[in-house]
C-alpha atoms as a PDB file:
ATOM      1  CA  UNK A   1     -14.721   3.184 -20.664  1.00  0.00           C
ATOM      2  CA  UNK A   2     -11.038   2.644 -19.947  1.00  0.00           C
ATOM      3  CA  UNK A   3      -8.546   5.268 -21.135  1.00  0.00           C
ATOM      4  CA  UNK A   4      -5.004   4.838 -22.392  1.00  0.00           C
ATOM      5  CA  UNK A   5      -3.529   6.542 -19.321  1.00  0.00           C
ATOM      6  CA  UNK A   6      -1.338   4.114 -17.399  1.00  0.00           C
ATOM      7  CA  UNK A   7      -1.611   3.511 -13.646  1.00  0.00           C
ATOM      8  CA  UNK A   8       0.782   1.069 -11.994  1.00  0.00           C
ATOM      9  CA  UNK A   9      -0.389  -0.542  -8.746  1.00  0.00           C
ATOM     10  CA  UNK A  10       2.160  -2.476  -6.719  1.00  0.00           C
ATOM     11  CA  UNK A  11       0.687  -4.961  -4.287  1.00  0.00           C
ATOM     12  CA  UNK A  12      -2.184  -5.393  -6.731  1.00  0.00           C
ATOM     13  CA  UNK A  13      -3.027  -8.849  -5.364  1.00  0.00           C
ATOM     14  CA  UNK A  14      -3.488  -7.665  -1.768  1.00  0.00           C
ATOM     15  CA  UNK A  15      -6.633  -6.469  -0.019  1.00  0.00           C
ATOM     16  CA  UNK A  16      -6.233  -2.781  -0.840  1.00  0.00           C
ATOM     17  CA  UNK A  17      -4.525  -3.399  -4.165  1.00  0.00           C
ATOM     18  CA  UNK A  18      -7.186  -5.741  -5.519  1.00  0.00           C
ATOM     19  CA  UNK A  19     -10.004  -3.375  -4.553  1.00  0.00           C
ATOM     20  CA  UNK A  20      -8.158  -0.384  -6.040  1.00  0.00           C
ATOM     21  CA  UNK A  21      -7.318  -2.293  -9.213  1.00  0.00           C
ATOM     22  CA  UNK A  22     -10.953  -3.156  -9.749  1.00  0.00           C
ATOM     23  CA  UNK A  23     -12.099   0.408  -9.041  1.00  0.00           C
ATOM     24  CA  UNK A  24      -9.576   2.213 -11.254  1.00  0.00           C
ATOM     25  CA  UNK A  25      -9.708  -0.238 -14.153  1.00  0.00           C
ATOM     26  CA  UNK A  26     -12.912   1.413 -15.363  1.00  0.00           C
ATOM     27  CA  UNK A  27     -11.036   4.630 -16.172  1.00  0.00           C
ATOM     28  CA  UNK A  28      -7.364   3.704 -16.600  1.00  0.00           C
ATOM     29  CA  UNK A  29      -5.113   1.051 -18.064  1.00  0.00           C
ATOM     30  CA  UNK A  30      -3.905  -0.771 -14.954  1.00  0.00           C
ATOM     31  CA  UNK A  31      -0.607  -2.605 -14.590  1.00  0.00           C
ATOM     32  CA  UNK A  32      -0.463  -4.758 -11.473  1.00  0.00           C
ATOM     33  CA  UNK A  33       2.868  -5.682  -9.901  1.00  0.00           C
ATOM     34  CA  UNK A  34       3.091  -8.107  -6.988  1.00  0.00           C
ATOM     35  CA  UNK A  35       4.848 -11.171  -5.620  1.00  0.00           C
ATOM     36  CA  UNK A  36       2.092 -13.383  -7.047  1.00  0.00           C
ATOM     37  CA  UNK A  37      -0.491 -13.034  -9.775  1.00  0.00           C
ATOM     38  CA  UNK A  38      -4.002 -13.346  -8.267  1.00  0.00           C
ATOM     39  CA  UNK A  39      -6.269 -16.259  -9.089  1.00  0.00           C
ATOM     40  CA  UNK A  40      -9.153 -13.851  -9.668  1.00  0.00           C
ATOM     41  CA  UNK A  41      -7.957 -11.305 -12.207  1.00  0.00           C
ATOM     42  CA  UNK A  42      -9.643  -8.079 -13.233  1.00  0.00           C
ATOM     43  CA  UNK A  43     -10.429  -8.031 -16.942  1.00  0.00           C
ATOM     44  CA  UNK A  44      -8.122  -5.764 -18.924  1.00  0.00           C
ATOM     45  CA  UNK A  45      -5.437  -5.574 -16.238  1.00  0.00           C
ATOM     46  CA  UNK A  46      -1.873  -6.647 -17.054  1.00  0.00           C
ATOM     47  CA  UNK A  47      -0.340  -8.524 -14.101  1.00  0.00           C
ATOM     48  CA  UNK A  48       3.355  -9.179 -13.479  1.00  0.00           C
ATOM     49  CA  UNK A  49       4.911 -11.275 -10.704  1.00  0.00           C
ATOM     50  CA  UNK A  50       8.270 -10.196  -9.295  1.00  0.00           C
ATOM     51  CA  UNK A  51      10.393 -10.023  -6.170  1.00  0.00           C
ATOM     52  CA  UNK A  52      10.613  -6.404  -4.971  1.00  0.00           C
ATOM     53  CA  UNK A  53      13.797  -7.152  -3.062  1.00  0.00           C
ATOM     54  CA  UNK A  54      15.545  -7.824  -6.394  1.00  0.00           C
ATOM     55  CA  UNK A  55      16.601  -4.712  -8.304  1.00  0.00           C
ATOM     56  CA  UNK A  56      17.444  -6.917 -11.306  1.00  0.00           C
ATOM     57  CA  UNK A  57      13.880  -8.265 -11.509  1.00  0.00           C
ATOM     58  CA  UNK A  58      12.462  -4.760 -11.125  1.00  0.00           C
ATOM     59  CA  UNK A  59      14.679  -3.490 -13.911  1.00  0.00           C
ATOM     60  CA  UNK A  60      13.729  -6.239 -16.368  1.00  0.00           C
ATOM     61  CA  UNK A  61       9.984  -5.944 -15.706  1.00  0.00           C
ATOM     62  CA  UNK A  62       9.950  -2.141 -15.939  1.00  0.00           C
ATOM     63  CA  UNK A  63      12.104  -2.210 -19.066  1.00  0.00           C
ATOM     64  CA  UNK A  64       9.529  -4.524 -20.622  1.00  0.00           C
ATOM     65  CA  UNK A  65       6.700  -2.204 -19.615  1.00  0.00           C
ATOM     66  CA  UNK A  66       8.431   0.678 -21.414  1.00  0.00           C
ATOM     67  CA  UNK A  67       8.626  -1.337 -24.608  1.00  0.00           C
ATOM     68  CA  UNK A  68       4.968  -2.361 -24.401  1.00  0.00           C
ATOM     69  CA  UNK A  69       3.210   0.726 -23.035  1.00  0.00           C
ATOM     70  CA  UNK A  70       5.263   3.755 -24.068  1.00  0.00           C
ATOM     71  CA  UNK A  71       6.988   6.423 -21.995  1.00  0.00           C
ATOM     72  CA  UNK A  72       4.237   8.038 -19.888  1.00  0.00           C
ATOM     73  CA  UNK A  73       2.726   6.942 -16.558  1.00  0.00           C
ATOM     74  CA  UNK A  74      -0.177   8.836 -15.039  1.00  0.00           C
ATOM     75  CA  UNK A  75       0.298   7.503 -11.523  1.00  0.00           C
ATOM     76  CA  UNK A  76       2.037   4.826  -9.480  1.00  0.00           C
ATOM     77  CA  UNK A  77       0.297   3.563  -6.338  1.00  0.00           C
ATOM     78  CA  UNK A  78       2.994   1.806  -4.327  1.00  0.00           C
ATOM     79  CA  UNK A  79       1.455  -0.572  -1.770  1.00  0.00           C
ATOM     80  CA  UNK A  80       4.157  -3.244  -1.549  1.00  0.00           C
ATOM     81  CA  UNK A  81       5.917  -3.408   1.820  1.00  0.00           C
ATOM     82  CA  UNK A  82       7.146  -5.937   4.344  1.00  0.00           C
ATOM     83  CA  UNK A  83       5.215  -6.473   7.576  1.00  0.00           C
ATOM     84  CA  UNK A  84       5.563  -8.948  10.420  1.00  0.00           C
ATOM     85  CA  UNK A  85       3.100  -9.440  13.265  1.00  0.00           C
ATOM     86  CA  UNK A  86       6.008 -10.313  15.530  1.00  0.00           C
ATOM     87  CA  UNK A  87       7.070  -6.673  15.749  1.00  0.00           C
ATOM     88  CA  UNK A  88      10.688  -7.820  15.555  1.00  0.00           C
ATOM     89  CA  UNK A  89      13.433  -6.506  13.293  1.00  0.00           C
ATOM     90  CA  UNK A  90      13.984  -8.177   9.894  1.00  0.00           C
ATOM     91  CA  UNK A  91      16.320  -7.378   7.013  1.00  0.00           C
ATOM     92  CA  UNK A  92      13.259  -7.633   4.742  1.00  0.00           C
ATOM     93  CA  UNK A  93      12.086  -4.225   5.988  1.00  0.00           C
ATOM     94  CA  UNK A  94      15.233  -2.750   4.471  1.00  0.00           C
ATOM     95  CA  UNK A  95      15.294  -4.917   1.334  1.00  0.00           C
ATOM     96  CA  UNK A  96      11.613  -4.642   0.377  1.00  0.00           C
ATOM     97  CA  UNK A  97      10.134  -1.524   1.971  1.00  0.00           C
ATOM     98  CA  UNK A  98      13.148   0.805   1.899  1.00  0.00           C
ATOM     99  CA  UNK A  99      15.483  -0.288  -0.899  1.00  0.00           C
ATOM    100  CA  UNK A 100      12.638  -1.768  -2.945  1.00  0.00           C
ATOM    101  CA  UNK A 101      10.767   1.558  -2.944  1.00  0.00           C
ATOM    102  CA  UNK A 102      13.870   3.520  -3.900  1.00  0.00           C
ATOM    103  CA  UNK A 103      14.792   1.092  -6.665  1.00  0.00           C
ATOM    104  CA  UNK A 104      11.239   1.106  -8.024  1.00  0.00           C
ATOM    105  CA  UNK A 105      11.114   4.874  -8.390  1.00  0.00           C
ATOM    106  CA  UNK A 106      14.685   5.179  -9.666  1.00  0.00           C
ATOM    107  CA  UNK A 107      14.132   2.579 -12.400  1.00  0.00           C
ATOM    108  CA  UNK A 108      10.724   3.988 -13.336  1.00  0.00           C
ATOM    109  CA  UNK A 109      12.290   7.413 -13.827  1.00  0.00           C
ATOM    110  CA  UNK A 110      14.923   5.849 -16.063  1.00  0.00           C
ATOM    111  CA  UNK A 111      12.309   4.580 -18.510  1.00  0.00           C
ATOM    112  CA  UNK A 112       9.205   6.739 -17.970  1.00  0.00           C
ATOM    113  CA  UNK A 113       7.854  10.197 -17.362  1.00  0.00           C
ATOM    114  CA  UNK A 114       6.047   9.580 -14.059  1.00  0.00           C
ATOM    115  CA  UNK A 115       3.417  12.201 -13.261  1.00  0.00           C
ATOM    116  CA  UNK A 116       2.519  11.049  -9.734  1.00  0.00           C
ATOM    117  CA  UNK A 117       3.852   8.578  -7.162  1.00  0.00           C
ATOM    118  CA  UNK A 118       1.618   7.632  -4.219  1.00  0.00           C
ATOM    119  CA  UNK A 119       3.371   5.838  -1.372  1.00  0.00           C
ATOM    120  CA  UNK A 120       1.339   3.829   1.098  1.00  0.00           C
ATOM    121  CA  UNK A 121       2.878   4.800   4.430  1.00  0.00           C
ATOM    122  CA  UNK A 122       1.282   4.522   7.868  1.00  0.00           C
ATOM    123  CA  UNK A 123      -0.011   6.793  10.608  1.00  0.00           C
ATOM    124  CA  UNK A 124       2.171   4.761  12.962  1.00  0.00           C
ATOM    125  CA  UNK A 125       5.126   6.923  11.915  1.00  0.00           C
ATOM    126  CA  UNK A 126       3.730   9.629  14.231  1.00  0.00           C
ATOM    127  CA  UNK A 127       4.343   9.900  17.925  1.00  0.00           C
ATOM    128  CA  UNK A 128       1.243   8.779  19.880  1.00  0.00           C
ATOM    129  CA  UNK A 129      -0.900  11.759  20.855  1.00  0.00           C
ATOM    130  CA  UNK A 130      -2.500  12.411  24.250  1.00  0.00           C
ATOM    131  CA  UNK A 131      -6.116  11.343  24.622  1.00  0.00           C
ATOM    132  CA  UNK A 132      -8.405  13.781  22.817  1.00  0.00           C
ATOM    133  CA  UNK A 133      -5.683  15.284  20.605  1.00  0.00           C
ATOM    134  CA  UNK A 134      -5.868  14.528  16.885  1.00  0.00           C
ATOM    135  CA  UNK A 135      -2.874  13.416  14.815  1.00  0.00           C
ATOM    136  CA  UNK A 136      -2.349  15.231  11.526  1.00  0.00           C
ATOM    137  CA  UNK A 137       0.410  15.825   8.954  1.00  0.00           C
ATOM    138  CA  UNK A 138       2.183  18.259  11.277  1.00  0.00           C
ATOM    139  CA  UNK A 139       2.337  15.848  14.220  1.00  0.00           C
ATOM    140  CA  UNK A 140       5.851  14.770  15.305  1.00  0.00           C
ATOM    141  CA  UNK A 141       7.316  11.792  13.447  1.00  0.00           C
ATOM    142  CA  UNK A 142       8.681   9.302  15.959  1.00  0.00           C
ATOM    143  CA  UNK A 143       8.263   5.624  14.927  1.00  0.00           C
ATOM    144  CA  UNK A 144       8.769   3.151  17.754  1.00  0.00           C
ATOM    145  CA  UNK A 145       9.139  -0.245  16.027  1.00  0.00           C
ATOM    146  CA  UNK A 146      10.540  -1.682  12.763  1.00  0.00           C
ATOM    147  CA  UNK A 147       7.437  -1.426  10.544  1.00  0.00           C
ATOM    148  CA  UNK A 148       6.857   2.355  10.849  1.00  0.00           C
ATOM    149  CA  UNK A 149      10.623   2.921  11.003  1.00  0.00           C
ATOM    150  CA  UNK A 150      10.911   1.316   7.574  1.00  0.00           C
ATOM    151  CA  UNK A 151       8.130   3.557   6.248  1.00  0.00           C
ATOM    152  CA  UNK A 152       9.946   6.699   7.414  1.00  0.00           C
ATOM    153  CA  UNK A 153      13.149   5.510   5.731  1.00  0.00           C
ATOM    154  CA  UNK A 154      11.200   4.738   2.555  1.00  0.00           C
ATOM    155  CA  UNK A 155       9.601   8.204   2.544  1.00  0.00           C
ATOM    156  CA  UNK A 156      13.083   9.719   2.684  1.00  0.00           C
ATOM    157  CA  UNK A 157      14.517   7.602  -0.126  1.00  0.00           C
ATOM    158  CA  UNK A 158      11.439   8.307  -2.279  1.00  0.00           C
ATOM    159  CA  UNK A 159      11.989  12.044  -1.778  1.00  0.00           C
ATOM    160  CA  UNK A 160      15.561  11.536  -2.986  1.00  0.00           C
ATOM    161  CA  UNK A 161      14.633   9.463  -6.052  1.00  0.00           C
ATOM    162  CA  UNK A 162      11.413  11.239  -7.082  1.00  0.00           C
ATOM    163  CA  UNK A 163      12.784  13.129 -10.080  1.00  0.00           C
ATOM    164  CA  UNK A 164       9.932  15.154 -11.597  1.00  0.00           C
ATOM    165  CA  UNK A 165       7.176  13.006 -10.109  1.00  0.00           C
ATOM    166  CA  UNK A 166       4.732  14.533  -7.653  1.00  0.00           C
ATOM    167  CA  UNK A 167       4.971  12.423  -4.494  1.00  0.00           C
ATOM    168  CA  UNK A 168       2.126  11.768  -2.074  1.00  0.00           C
ATOM    169  CA  UNK A 169       2.882  10.005   1.211  1.00  0.00           C
ATOM    170  CA  UNK A 170      -0.433   8.448   2.170  1.00  0.00           C
ATOM    171  CA  UNK A 171      -0.198   7.708   5.899  1.00  0.00           C
ATOM    172  CA  UNK A 172      -3.044   5.265   6.288  1.00  0.00           C
ATOM    173  CA  UNK A 173      -4.671   4.957   9.704  1.00  0.00           C
ATOM    174  CA  UNK A 174      -6.728   1.807   9.182  1.00  0.00           C
ATOM    175  CA  UNK A 175      -8.441  -0.379   6.603  1.00  0.00           C
ATOM    176  CA  UNK A 176     -12.161  -1.082   6.870  1.00  0.00           C
ATOM    177  CA  UNK A 177     -13.063  -4.338   5.188  1.00  0.00           C
ATOM    178  CA  UNK A 178     -16.759  -3.583   4.956  1.00  0.00           C
ATOM    179  CA  UNK A 179     -16.152  -0.319   3.069  1.00  0.00           C
ATOM    180  CA  UNK A 180     -13.916  -2.117   0.585  1.00  0.00           C
ATOM    181  CA  UNK A 181     -16.427  -4.978   0.386  1.00  0.00           C
ATOM    182  CA  UNK A 182     -13.658  -7.452   1.196  1.00  0.00           C
ATOM    183  CA  UNK A 183     -14.281 -10.720   2.981  1.00  0.00           C
ATOM    184  CA  UNK A 184     -11.681 -11.461   5.634  1.00  0.00           C
ATOM    185  CA  UNK A 185      -9.604 -14.558   4.807  1.00  0.00           C
ATOM    186  CA  UNK A 186     -10.185 -17.765   6.721  1.00  0.00           C
ATOM    187  CA  UNK A 187      -6.597 -18.927   6.153  1.00  0.00           C
ATOM    188  CA  UNK A 188      -3.399 -16.888   5.595  1.00  0.00           C
ATOM    189  CA  UNK A 189      -0.174 -18.674   4.641  1.00  0.00           C
ATOM    190  CA  UNK A 190      -1.643 -21.924   5.948  1.00  0.00           C
ATOM    191  CA  UNK A 191      -2.617 -20.423   9.305  1.00  0.00           C
ATOM    192  CA  UNK A 192      -6.300 -20.451  10.301  1.00  0.00           C
ATOM    193  CA  UNK A 193      -7.508 -16.940  11.149  1.00  0.00           C
ATOM    194  CA  UNK A 194      -9.812 -15.918  13.974  1.00  0.00           C
ATOM    195  CA  UNK A 195     -12.971 -14.071  12.865  1.00  0.00           C
ATOM    196  CA  UNK A 196     -13.208 -10.306  13.289  1.00  0.00           C
ATOM    197  CA  UNK A 197     -15.649  -9.747  16.127  1.00  0.00           C
ATOM    198  CA  UNK A 198     -17.350  -6.556  17.243  1.00  0.00           C
ATOM    199  CA  UNK A 199     -19.268  -3.699  15.638  1.00  0.00           C
ATOM    200  CA  UNK A 200     -17.889  -1.759  12.681  1.00  0.00           C
ATOM    201  CA  UNK A 201     -17.413   1.975  13.284  1.00  0.00           C
ATOM    202  CA  UNK A 202     -18.106   2.889   9.654  1.00  0.00           C
ATOM    203  CA  UNK A 203     -21.629   4.055  10.505  1.00  0.00           C
ATOM    204  CA  UNK A 204     -19.996   7.060  12.232  1.00  0.00           C
ATOM    205  CA  UNK A 205     -18.350   8.271   9.018  1.00  0.00           C
ATOM    206  CA  UNK A 206     -21.563   9.812   7.696  1.00  0.00           C
ATOM    207  CA  UNK A 207     -23.049  10.529  11.127  1.00  0.00           C
ATOM    208  CA  UNK A 208     -20.307  11.356  13.668  1.00  0.00           C
ATOM    209  CA  UNK A 209     -22.905  12.068  16.347  1.00  0.00           C
ATOM    210  CA  UNK A 210     -24.843   8.841  15.817  1.00  0.00           C
ATOM    211  CA  UNK A 211     -25.701   6.877  18.980  1.00  0.00           C
ATOM    212  CA  UNK A 212     -23.135   4.296  20.028  1.00  0.00           C
ATOM    213  CA  UNK A 213     -23.927   0.813  18.697  1.00  0.00           C
ATOM    214  CA  UNK A 214     -21.322  -1.303  20.431  1.00  0.00           C
ATOM    215  CA  UNK A 215     -21.749  -2.497  23.994  1.00  0.00           C
ATOM    216  CA  UNK A 216     -18.295  -3.936  24.567  1.00  0.00           C
ATOM    217  CA  UNK A 217     -15.429  -4.288  22.145  1.00  0.00           C
ATOM    218  CA  UNK A 218     -11.875  -5.598  22.514  1.00  0.00           C
ATOM    219  CA  UNK A 219      -9.153  -5.387  19.888  1.00  0.00           C
ATOM    220  CA  UNK A 220      -5.636  -6.766  20.032  1.00  0.00           C
ATOM    221  CA  UNK A 221      -2.812  -6.328  17.533  1.00  0.00           C
ATOM    222  CA  UNK A 222       0.736  -7.620  17.762  1.00  0.00           C
ATOM    223  CA  UNK A 223       0.058  -8.473  21.405  1.00  0.00           C
ATOM    224  CA  UNK A 224       0.549 -11.564  23.491  1.00  0.00           C
END
């Protein structure tokens, strides 16, 4: 049974956002904000399409939400960000990830009482650790390329604009498609995708000492 408590999910059409929207919709009234409205919509969810680099669009959409849903928001899960596989600098990191996050929270606080704001950051903000040493919340922050650099800047601007909201910086390490029950796309933005090969490591989550299943595995990201 869904409650009247409002949860806003930005990036609601993405892999994480769509899975989270479906999961939370059983207990909360979900408002999904993203660049596009998904073809497959979750029943009972209100979707809105907008450009997060435009403060004017953000303002008009959020103003409309205030008029429709009242003044209280239980939680905001902010997943929207810019990412490029090239690893190169882009002004979209600043416009979408940094300024977009700050504008979102600032405008929300203008119209709503926001109880909680969860920001999807990345573990890549941390300095790489020596082999065998774990990375945790106290590990040094030292991003080395534009994507994690933009996340660090966004964390700082969120801290500045948070108002009375409780902020959680969720520094995600990785996304496991099989746990989310998501099928990997065959085509992204018109580009045919290679299949994900290898053995999933999710079997180790419940049994860390389980025997190794993979014989040989190679993974490449943002490489050449």
